[in-house]
Structure formats: structure tokens, C-alpha cells
Amino acid sequence: MISPSAVTFLITIINIGILFFILRAILFKPVSSFMEARTKKIEEALANAEREKAQAKMLLAQRDAQLKQTSLEAEKILKSTREKAEKQADVILSEAKVQAEILVSNGRKQVEAERQAAVALFRAEAAALVVAASGRLLKRELKGGDEAEYARILIEELGRPDVRS
């Protein structure tokens, strides 16, 4: 016969086996399917994270390229602006030089004309003084026509290079 402890042992084993199949049907399958679903969600989240990371890297690379392109364009614009400003400054300077030369030339011409007018006035006044002095020396009165004639002759003589000293 079987001893009571062996019967208890056998009943316990049968109970454990029945409990195992019941728990397996009730608990293990839902927990396993829950765990598989959770694993699947985690894997999908990781895949999405990798895709978004790759997309972020791509967008960052595009932004860097755009910044570099913008920087190059800004440098080109600055360079062309500088060149235009330098050209415009050169044009302004050359125009100013031309105007200054014209002003200096006009000033010189005006000074020369004024000098010639002053010399002519001086000669006329000198001739009149000489004629008057000569008339007094000769103690005779010169007629109006004679005075003008002597002044003309004197101016001509003063105008010759060999007479000037």
C-alpha cells in the first residue's frame, strides 16, 4: 500500500500540474501576449527614434549647408558692394581732381588777365606821367592829339623786350 505521505505527495503533484495548466491558460498566455506587444511597441519606438534621429541629422546638415551658402552669398554681396563703393569713390575723386584742375586753371587765367590789365594800366599811367613830365621839361604845352601820340609811342617802346629791364 501506499503510505499517506506518498498519497499526499501524489495529490500535491497532481494539484500542482492542474494549477500549472490553469495558470498557464489564464495567466501565462495573456502575460506573454502583453509582453510581446510591449516588446513590439518598444522596438517600434526605437525604430521611430532612429528614423527621427536620422531625419534630424539630415535637417541639421541641410541647415548647415544653407548657412554656409548664405554666408558665401553675404560675402559676395559685401565684396561687390565694396568694389562698387571703391569704383564710385574713384569716380568721385577723379571728378573732383578734374574740377580742381579746372578751377586752378581758371584762377590762373583770371590772375594772368588781371596782371595784364594791371600792367596795361600801369603802362598807360606811366606814359601819361612821362608825357606830362616831358611837357613840363620842354615848357610847352602839348596839344591833345600830340599827347596821345606820344603816349602811344612810349607804350610801344615799353612793350619791346629790349627796352624792358
N, C-alpha and C. Protein backbone atom coordinates (compact mmCIF):
# COMPACT_ATOMS: atom_id res chain seq x y z
N MET A 1 0.77 -1.16 0.00
CA MET A 1 0.00 0.00 0.00
C MET A 1 0.84 1.26 0.00
N ILE A 2 0.15 2.24 -0.24
CA ILE A 2 0.88 3.49 -0.35
C ILE A 2 0.71 4.20 0.98
N SER A 3 1.74 4.79 1.37
CA SER A 3 1.71 5.48 2.64
C SER A 3 0.99 6.83 2.47
N PRO A 4 0.42 7.30 3.60
CA PRO A 4 -0.33 8.53 3.49
C PRO A 4 0.55 9.68 3.01
N SER A 5 1.75 9.68 3.35
CA SER A 5 2.58 10.78 2.88
C SER A 5 2.82 10.65 1.40
N ALA A 6 2.85 9.44 0.87
CA ALA A 6 3.03 9.26 -0.57
C ALA A 6 1.77 9.68 -1.27
N VAL A 7 0.58 9.43 -0.71
CA VAL A 7 -0.68 9.84 -1.31
C VAL A 7 -0.73 11.37 -1.32
N THR A 8 -0.37 11.98 -0.23
CA THR A 8 -0.38 13.44 -0.14
C THR A 8 0.60 14.01 -1.17
N PHE A 9 1.71 13.31 -1.26
CA PHE A 9 2.71 13.78 -2.21
C PHE A 9 2.17 13.69 -3.63
N LEU A 10 1.51 12.62 -3.98
CA LEU A 10 0.96 12.40 -5.30
C LEU A 10 -0.17 13.38 -5.57
N ILE A 11 -1.05 13.62 -4.61
CA ILE A 11 -2.14 14.59 -4.78
C ILE A 11 -1.55 15.97 -4.96
N THR A 12 -0.52 16.30 -4.24
CA THR A 12 0.11 17.61 -4.35
C THR A 12 0.70 17.78 -5.73
N ILE A 13 1.29 16.74 -6.25
CA ILE A 13 1.89 16.82 -7.59
C ILE A 13 0.77 16.99 -8.61
N ILE A 14 -0.31 16.27 -8.48
CA ILE A 14 -1.43 16.40 -9.41
C ILE A 14 -2.01 17.80 -9.30
N ASN A 15 -2.17 18.31 -8.09
CA ASN A 15 -2.68 19.67 -7.89
C ASN A 15 -1.74 20.71 -8.54
N ILE A 16 -0.47 20.50 -8.35
CA ILE A 16 0.50 21.44 -8.95
C ILE A 16 0.38 21.37 -10.47
N GLY A 17 0.24 20.20 -11.05
CA GLY A 17 0.10 20.03 -12.51
C GLY A 17 -1.16 20.72 -13.00
N ILE A 18 -2.31 20.49 -12.29
CA ILE A 18 -3.57 21.13 -12.69
C ILE A 18 -3.43 22.64 -12.54
N LEU A 19 -2.85 23.08 -11.44
CA LEU A 19 -2.66 24.51 -11.21
C LEU A 19 -1.76 25.11 -12.30
N PHE A 20 -0.74 24.36 -12.72
CA PHE A 20 0.15 24.83 -13.77
C PHE A 20 -0.61 25.04 -15.06
N PHE A 21 -1.46 24.08 -15.48
CA PHE A 21 -2.21 24.20 -16.73
C PHE A 21 -3.25 25.31 -16.64
N ILE A 22 -3.88 25.44 -15.49
CA ILE A 22 -4.88 26.51 -15.31
C ILE A 22 -4.19 27.87 -15.36
N LEU A 23 -3.10 28.00 -14.60
CA LEU A 23 -2.38 29.29 -14.60
C LEU A 23 -1.79 29.59 -15.98
N ARG A 24 -1.34 28.54 -16.65
CA ARG A 24 -0.79 28.74 -17.98
C ARG A 24 -1.87 29.25 -18.91
N ALA A 25 -3.04 28.70 -18.86
CA ALA A 25 -4.13 29.11 -19.74
C ALA A 25 -4.63 30.50 -19.35
N ILE A 26 -4.72 30.76 -18.05
CA ILE A 26 -5.29 32.03 -17.60
C ILE A 26 -4.23 33.13 -17.54
N LEU A 27 -3.05 32.85 -17.07
CA LEU A 27 -2.09 33.90 -16.76
C LEU A 27 -0.93 33.98 -17.76
N PHE A 28 -0.30 32.90 -18.11
CA PHE A 28 0.89 32.95 -18.93
C PHE A 28 0.62 33.44 -20.35
N LYS A 29 -0.47 32.98 -20.98
CA LYS A 29 -0.76 33.42 -22.35
C LYS A 29 -1.05 34.92 -22.40
N PRO A 30 -1.92 35.49 -21.53
CA PRO A 30 -2.12 36.94 -21.59
C PRO A 30 -0.87 37.72 -21.26
N VAL A 31 -0.11 37.24 -20.27
CA VAL A 31 1.12 37.95 -19.90
C VAL A 31 2.12 37.86 -21.05
N SER A 32 2.24 36.71 -21.68
CA SER A 32 3.16 36.56 -22.81
C SER A 32 2.75 37.45 -23.97
N SER A 33 1.44 37.45 -24.28
CA SER A 33 0.98 38.31 -25.39
C SER A 33 1.19 39.79 -25.03
N PHE A 34 0.95 40.16 -23.73
CA PHE A 34 1.19 41.53 -23.27
C PHE A 34 2.67 41.89 -23.42
N MET A 35 3.54 40.96 -23.01
CA MET A 35 4.97 41.20 -23.10
C MET A 35 5.43 41.30 -24.55
N GLU A 36 4.87 40.47 -25.43
CA GLU A 36 5.22 40.55 -26.85
C GLU A 36 4.76 41.88 -27.44
N ALA A 37 3.54 42.30 -27.09
CA ALA A 37 3.02 43.58 -27.58
C ALA A 37 3.88 44.72 -27.06
N ARG A 38 4.25 44.67 -25.81
CA ARG A 38 5.09 45.72 -25.23
C ARG A 38 6.46 45.73 -25.90
N THR A 39 7.04 44.56 -26.15
CA THR A 39 8.33 44.47 -26.83
C THR A 39 8.22 45.06 -28.24
N LYS A 40 7.11 44.74 -28.90
CA LYS A 40 6.89 45.25 -30.26
C LYS A 40 6.79 46.78 -30.23
N LYS A 41 6.05 47.32 -29.25
CA LYS A 41 5.92 48.78 -29.13
C LYS A 41 7.28 49.43 -28.85
N ILE A 42 8.05 48.82 -28.01
CA ILE A 42 9.37 49.37 -27.69
C ILE A 42 10.27 49.34 -28.93
N GLU A 43 10.23 48.24 -29.66
CA GLU A 43 11.03 48.14 -30.88
C GLU A 43 10.58 49.20 -31.91
N GLU A 44 9.25 49.39 -32.04
CA GLU A 44 8.75 50.42 -32.95
C GLU A 44 9.18 51.82 -32.49
N ALA A 45 9.13 52.06 -31.17
CA ALA A 45 9.55 53.37 -30.65
C ALA A 45 11.04 53.59 -30.92
N LEU A 46 11.85 52.55 -30.74
CA LEU A 46 13.28 52.68 -31.03
C LEU A 46 13.52 52.93 -32.52
N ALA A 47 12.78 52.22 -33.35
CA ALA A 47 12.92 52.43 -34.80
C ALA A 47 12.50 53.85 -35.17
N ASN A 48 11.40 54.33 -34.59
CA ASN A 48 10.96 55.71 -34.83
C ASN A 48 12.02 56.71 -34.35
N ALA A 49 12.58 56.42 -33.19
CA ALA A 49 13.61 57.31 -32.65
C ALA A 49 14.82 57.35 -33.58
N GLU A 50 15.20 56.20 -34.11
CA GLU A 50 16.33 56.15 -35.05
C GLU A 50 16.01 56.93 -36.33
N ARG A 51 14.78 56.75 -36.84
CA ARG A 51 14.36 57.49 -38.05
C ARG A 51 14.38 58.99 -37.78
N GLU A 52 13.83 59.39 -36.64
CA GLU A 52 13.79 60.81 -36.30
C GLU A 52 15.20 61.36 -36.07
N LYS A 53 16.06 60.55 -35.49
CA LYS A 53 17.44 60.97 -35.30
C LYS A 53 18.13 61.16 -36.65
N ALA A 54 17.91 60.23 -37.56
CA ALA A 54 18.50 60.34 -38.89
C ALA A 54 17.92 61.57 -39.61
N GLN A 55 16.62 61.78 -39.47
CA GLN A 55 15.99 62.94 -40.09
C GLN A 55 16.53 64.24 -39.48
N ALA A 56 16.72 64.25 -38.17
CA ALA A 56 17.27 65.44 -37.51
C ALA A 56 18.70 65.71 -38.00
N LYS A 57 19.50 64.65 -38.16
CA LYS A 57 20.84 64.83 -38.68
C LYS A 57 20.80 65.39 -40.10
N MET A 58 19.86 64.87 -40.90
CA MET A 58 19.74 65.35 -42.28
C MET A 58 19.32 66.82 -42.29
N LEU A 59 18.35 67.18 -41.45
CA LEU A 59 17.91 68.58 -41.38
C LEU A 59 19.04 69.48 -40.88
N LEU A 60 19.81 68.98 -39.93
CA LEU A 60 20.94 69.76 -39.42
C LEU A 60 21.98 69.97 -40.53
N ALA A 61 22.23 68.92 -41.30
CA ALA A 61 23.18 69.04 -42.41
C ALA A 61 22.66 70.04 -43.45
N GLN A 62 21.35 69.99 -43.74
CA GLN A 62 20.75 70.94 -44.69
C GLN A 62 20.86 72.36 -44.16
N ARG A 63 20.60 72.54 -42.88
CA ARG A 63 20.67 73.88 -42.28
C ARG A 63 22.10 74.40 -42.33
N ASP A 64 23.06 73.52 -42.01
CA ASP A 64 24.46 73.93 -42.08
C ASP A 64 24.85 74.32 -43.51
N ALA A 65 24.38 73.53 -44.47
CA ALA A 65 24.67 73.85 -45.88
C ALA A 65 24.03 75.19 -46.26
N GLN A 66 22.80 75.41 -45.82
CA GLN A 66 22.13 76.69 -46.11
C GLN A 66 22.87 77.85 -45.45
N LEU A 67 23.31 77.66 -44.21
CA LEU A 67 24.07 78.71 -43.52
C LEU A 67 25.37 79.01 -44.26
N LYS A 68 26.03 77.96 -44.71
CA LYS A 68 27.27 78.15 -45.44
C LYS A 68 27.00 78.88 -46.75
N GLN A 69 25.94 78.48 -47.45
CA GLN A 69 25.58 79.12 -48.71
C GLN A 69 25.22 80.58 -48.47
N THR A 70 24.46 80.83 -47.42
CA THR A 70 24.07 82.21 -47.08
C THR A 70 25.30 83.03 -46.74
N SER A 71 26.22 82.43 -46.02
CA SER A 71 27.46 83.13 -45.66
C SER A 71 28.25 83.48 -46.92
N LEU A 72 28.35 82.54 -47.84
CA LEU A 72 29.06 82.79 -49.10
C LEU A 72 28.38 83.91 -49.89
N GLU A 73 27.05 83.87 -49.95
CA GLU A 73 26.32 84.91 -50.67
C GLU A 73 26.52 86.27 -50.01
N ALA A 74 26.52 86.28 -48.68
CA ALA A 74 26.73 87.54 -47.96
C ALA A 74 28.13 88.09 -48.25
N GLU A 75 29.12 87.20 -48.28
CA GLU A 75 30.48 87.63 -48.61
C GLU A 75 30.55 88.19 -50.02
N LYS A 76 29.86 87.53 -50.97
CA LYS A 76 29.84 88.02 -52.35
C LYS A 76 29.19 89.39 -52.43
N ILE A 77 28.09 89.55 -51.71
CA ILE A 77 27.39 90.84 -51.71
C ILE A 77 28.27 91.92 -51.12
N LEU A 78 28.93 91.61 -49.99
CA LEU A 78 29.83 92.58 -49.37
C LEU A 78 30.98 92.93 -50.30
N LYS A 79 31.52 91.93 -50.95
CA LYS A 79 32.64 92.17 -51.86
C LYS A 79 32.21 93.05 -53.02
N SER A 80 31.07 92.73 -53.62
CA SER A 80 30.60 93.55 -54.75
C SER A 80 30.25 94.96 -54.29
N THR A 81 29.70 95.07 -53.09
CA THR A 81 29.37 96.40 -52.56
C THR A 81 30.64 97.20 -52.33
N ARG A 82 31.66 96.56 -51.77
CA ARG A 82 32.94 97.25 -51.56
C ARG A 82 33.53 97.70 -52.89
N GLU A 83 33.49 96.79 -53.89
CA GLU A 83 34.04 97.13 -55.19
C GLU A 83 33.28 98.31 -55.81
N LYS A 84 31.96 98.28 -55.70
CA LYS A 84 31.17 99.39 -56.23
C LYS A 84 31.49 100.69 -55.51
N ALA A 85 31.62 100.60 -54.19
CA ALA A 85 31.94 101.80 -53.40
C ALA A 85 33.32 102.34 -53.78
N GLU A 86 34.29 101.43 -53.97
CA GLU A 86 35.63 101.87 -54.37
C GLU A 86 35.60 102.52 -55.74
N LYS A 87 34.85 101.90 -56.67
CA LYS A 87 34.75 102.48 -58.01
C LYS A 87 34.08 103.86 -57.95
N GLN A 88 33.03 103.95 -57.17
CA GLN A 88 32.33 105.23 -57.05
C GLN A 88 33.24 106.26 -56.39
N ALA A 89 34.02 105.85 -55.40
CA ALA A 89 34.96 106.77 -54.76
C ALA A 89 36.02 107.22 -55.77
N ASP A 90 36.50 106.28 -56.59
CA ASP A 90 37.48 106.65 -57.61
C ASP A 90 36.89 107.64 -58.61
N VAL A 91 35.64 107.39 -59.01
CA VAL A 91 34.97 108.31 -59.95
C VAL A 91 34.82 109.69 -59.31
N ILE A 92 34.39 109.71 -58.07
CA ILE A 92 34.20 111.00 -57.37
C ILE A 92 35.54 111.72 -57.24
N LEU A 93 36.59 110.97 -56.88
CA LEU A 93 37.91 111.59 -56.74
C LEU A 93 38.41 112.12 -58.09
N SER A 94 38.23 111.35 -59.14
CA SER A 94 38.70 111.82 -60.45
C SER A 94 37.91 113.04 -60.89
N GLU A 95 36.60 113.04 -60.64
CA GLU A 95 35.79 114.21 -60.98
C GLU A 95 36.24 115.42 -60.16
N ALA A 96 36.53 115.19 -58.89
CA ALA A 96 36.98 116.29 -58.03
C ALA A 96 38.33 116.82 -58.52
N LYS A 97 39.22 115.91 -58.93
CA LYS A 97 40.52 116.35 -59.44
C LYS A 97 40.34 117.18 -60.71
N VAL A 98 39.46 116.71 -61.60
CA VAL A 98 39.21 117.46 -62.84
C VAL A 98 38.65 118.83 -62.52
N GLN A 99 37.68 118.88 -61.62
CA GLN A 99 37.10 120.17 -61.24
C GLN A 99 38.13 121.07 -60.58
N ALA A 100 38.99 120.48 -59.74
CA ALA A 100 40.03 121.27 -59.09
C ALA A 100 41.01 121.83 -60.13
N GLU A 101 41.37 120.98 -61.10
CA GLU A 101 42.27 121.44 -62.16
C GLU A 101 41.62 122.56 -62.97
N ILE A 102 40.33 122.42 -63.25
CA ILE A 102 39.62 123.47 -63.99
C ILE A 102 39.60 124.76 -63.18
N LEU A 103 39.30 124.65 -61.88
CA LEU A 103 39.28 125.84 -61.02
C LEU A 103 40.66 126.49 -60.95
N VAL A 104 41.70 125.67 -60.80
CA VAL A 104 43.06 126.22 -60.75
C VAL A 104 43.41 126.88 -62.07
N SER A 105 43.06 126.22 -63.17
CA SER A 105 43.35 126.78 -64.50
C SER A 105 42.59 128.09 -64.70
N ASN A 106 41.32 128.10 -64.32
CA ASN A 106 40.53 129.33 -64.45
C ASN A 106 41.10 130.43 -63.55
N GLY A 107 41.53 130.05 -62.36
CA GLY A 107 42.13 131.01 -61.44
C GLY A 107 43.41 131.60 -62.02
N ARG A 108 44.23 130.74 -62.60
CA ARG A 108 45.48 131.21 -63.21
C ARG A 108 45.18 132.15 -64.38
N LYS A 109 44.20 131.76 -65.20
CA LYS A 109 43.84 132.62 -66.33
C LYS A 109 43.34 133.98 -65.84
N GLN A 110 42.53 133.93 -64.79
CA GLN A 110 41.99 135.18 -64.25
C GLN A 110 43.12 136.03 -63.67
N VAL A 111 44.04 135.39 -62.94
CA VAL A 111 45.17 136.14 -62.37
C VAL A 111 46.02 136.73 -63.50
N GLU A 112 46.25 135.95 -64.55
CA GLU A 112 47.05 136.45 -65.68
C GLU A 112 46.34 137.61 -66.37
N ALA A 113 45.02 137.48 -66.54
CA ALA A 113 44.27 138.57 -67.17
C ALA A 113 44.32 139.82 -66.30
N GLU A 114 44.17 139.64 -64.99
CA GLU A 114 44.23 140.79 -64.09
C GLU A 114 45.64 141.39 -64.09
N ARG A 115 46.67 140.53 -64.16
CA ARG A 115 48.04 141.02 -64.22
C ARG A 115 48.27 141.83 -65.49
N GLN A 116 47.78 141.28 -66.61
CA GLN A 116 47.96 142.00 -67.88
C GLN A 116 47.20 143.32 -67.86
N ALA A 117 46.00 143.30 -67.26
CA ALA A 117 45.24 144.55 -67.18
C ALA A 117 45.97 145.55 -66.29
N ALA A 118 46.55 145.05 -65.17
CA ALA A 118 47.28 145.95 -64.28
C ALA A 118 48.53 146.50 -64.97
N VAL A 119 49.23 145.65 -65.74
CA VAL A 119 50.42 146.10 -66.47
C VAL A 119 50.02 147.13 -67.52
N ALA A 120 48.91 146.87 -68.23
CA ALA A 120 48.45 147.83 -69.24
C ALA A 120 48.07 149.15 -68.58
N LEU A 121 47.39 149.08 -67.45
CA LEU A 121 47.02 150.31 -66.73
C LEU A 121 48.27 151.04 -66.25
N PHE A 122 49.23 150.26 -65.73
CA PHE A 122 50.47 150.87 -65.28
C PHE A 122 51.19 151.56 -66.43
N ARG A 123 51.25 150.89 -67.59
CA ARG A 123 51.92 151.47 -68.75
C ARG A 123 51.22 152.76 -69.19
N ALA A 124 49.90 152.71 -69.20
CA ALA A 124 49.17 153.91 -69.63
C ALA A 124 49.41 155.06 -68.66
N GLU A 125 49.36 154.74 -67.35
CA GLU A 125 49.60 155.78 -66.35
C GLU A 125 51.05 156.27 -66.41
N ALA A 126 51.98 155.35 -66.61
CA ALA A 126 53.39 155.72 -66.71
C ALA A 126 53.61 156.60 -67.94
N ALA A 127 52.97 156.22 -69.05
CA ALA A 127 53.12 157.01 -70.27
C ALA A 127 52.55 158.40 -70.07
N ALA A 128 51.41 158.49 -69.39
CA ALA A 128 50.82 159.81 -69.15
C ALA A 128 51.72 160.64 -68.26
N LEU A 129 52.32 160.02 -67.23
CA LEU A 129 53.24 160.73 -66.36
C LEU A 129 54.48 161.19 -67.11
N VAL A 130 55.01 160.32 -67.95
CA VAL A 130 56.20 160.67 -68.73
C VAL A 130 55.89 161.81 -69.68
N VAL A 131 54.73 161.74 -70.35
CA VAL A 131 54.35 162.78 -71.29
C VAL A 131 54.18 164.09 -70.53
N ALA A 132 53.54 164.02 -69.36
CA ALA A 132 53.34 165.24 -68.59
C ALA A 132 54.68 165.80 -68.13
N ALA A 133 55.55 164.90 -67.66
CA ALA A 133 56.86 165.36 -67.22
C ALA A 133 57.66 165.91 -68.38
N SER A 134 57.58 165.27 -69.51
CA SER A 134 58.30 165.74 -70.70
C SER A 134 57.77 167.10 -71.13
N GLY A 135 56.48 167.26 -71.04
CA GLY A 135 55.87 168.54 -71.42
C GLY A 135 56.35 169.65 -70.51
N ARG A 136 56.46 169.36 -69.24
CA ARG A 136 56.94 170.37 -68.31
C ARG A 136 58.41 170.69 -68.57
N LEU A 137 59.16 169.62 -68.90
CA LEU A 137 60.57 169.84 -69.19
C LEU A 137 60.74 170.70 -70.44
N LEU A 138 59.93 170.46 -71.37
CA LEU A 138 60.02 171.22 -72.61
C LEU A 138 59.37 172.59 -72.46
N LYS A 139 58.65 172.79 -71.39
CA LYS A 139 57.96 174.02 -71.05
C LYS A 139 57.08 174.48 -72.17
N ARG A 140 56.46 173.55 -72.65
CA ARG A 140 55.46 173.91 -73.64
C ARG A 140 54.26 173.02 -73.45
N GLU A 141 53.23 173.49 -73.90
CA GLU A 141 52.00 172.76 -73.73
C GLU A 141 51.79 171.93 -74.97
N LEU A 142 51.53 170.65 -74.71
CA LEU A 142 51.27 169.77 -75.84
C LEU A 142 49.80 169.80 -76.16
N LYS A 143 49.53 169.65 -77.40
CA LYS A 143 48.15 169.61 -77.83
C LYS A 143 47.59 168.23 -77.50
N GLY A 144 46.24 168.12 -77.42
CA GLY A 144 45.58 166.86 -77.06
C GLY A 144 45.97 165.72 -77.97
N GLY A 145 46.10 165.95 -79.24
CA GLY A 145 46.46 164.91 -80.19
C GLY A 145 47.90 164.52 -80.06
N ASP A 146 48.79 165.49 -79.78
CA ASP A 146 50.20 165.20 -79.61
C ASP A 146 50.42 164.35 -78.37
N GLU A 147 49.71 164.62 -77.30
CA GLU A 147 49.85 163.89 -76.04
C GLU A 147 49.50 162.42 -76.24
N ALA A 148 48.43 162.17 -76.93
CA ALA A 148 48.02 160.79 -77.19
C ALA A 148 49.01 160.09 -78.08
N GLU A 149 49.55 160.78 -79.05
CA GLU A 149 50.52 160.18 -79.96
C GLU A 149 51.80 159.83 -79.21
N TYR A 150 52.29 160.74 -78.36
CA TYR A 150 53.50 160.46 -77.58
C TYR A 150 53.27 159.30 -76.61
N ALA A 151 52.09 159.22 -76.03
CA ALA A 151 51.77 158.11 -75.11
C ALA A 151 51.78 156.79 -75.85
N ARG A 152 51.22 156.76 -77.07
CA ARG A 152 51.20 155.54 -77.87
C ARG A 152 52.61 155.09 -78.22
N ILE A 153 53.44 156.02 -78.61
CA ILE A 153 54.82 155.70 -78.97
C ILE A 153 55.56 155.17 -77.75
N LEU A 154 55.37 155.82 -76.61
CA LEU A 154 56.03 155.40 -75.37
C LEU A 154 55.59 153.99 -74.96
N ILE A 155 54.30 153.69 -75.07
CA ILE A 155 53.79 152.35 -74.71
C ILE A 155 54.39 151.30 -75.63
N GLU A 156 54.49 151.64 -76.92
CA GLU A 156 55.09 150.69 -77.86
C GLU A 156 56.54 150.41 -77.51
N GLU A 157 57.26 151.46 -77.14
CA GLU A 157 58.66 151.30 -76.78
C GLU A 157 58.80 150.51 -75.48
N LEU A 158 57.92 150.73 -74.53
CA LEU A 158 57.96 149.97 -73.28
C LEU A 158 57.58 148.51 -73.49
N GLY A 159 56.79 148.24 -74.50
CA GLY A 159 56.34 146.88 -74.78
C GLY A 159 57.40 146.03 -75.44
N ARG A 160 58.46 146.65 -76.01
CA ARG A 160 59.52 145.89 -76.65
C ARG A 160 60.39 145.21 -75.60
N PRO A 161 60.82 143.94 -75.88
CA PRO A 161 61.63 143.24 -74.89
C PRO A 161 63.00 143.86 -74.66
N ASP A 162 63.60 144.51 -75.62
CA ASP A 162 64.93 145.05 -75.43
C ASP A 162 64.92 146.33 -74.61
N VAL A 163 63.75 147.01 -74.52
CA VAL A 163 63.64 148.25 -73.76
C VAL A 163 63.43 147.94 -72.30
N ARG A 164 62.73 146.83 -71.97
CA ARG A 164 62.45 146.45 -70.57
C ARG A 164 63.74 146.08 -69.86
N SER A 165 63.82 146.40 -68.58
CA SER A 165 64.99 145.98 -67.84
C SER A 165 64.60 145.23 -66.62
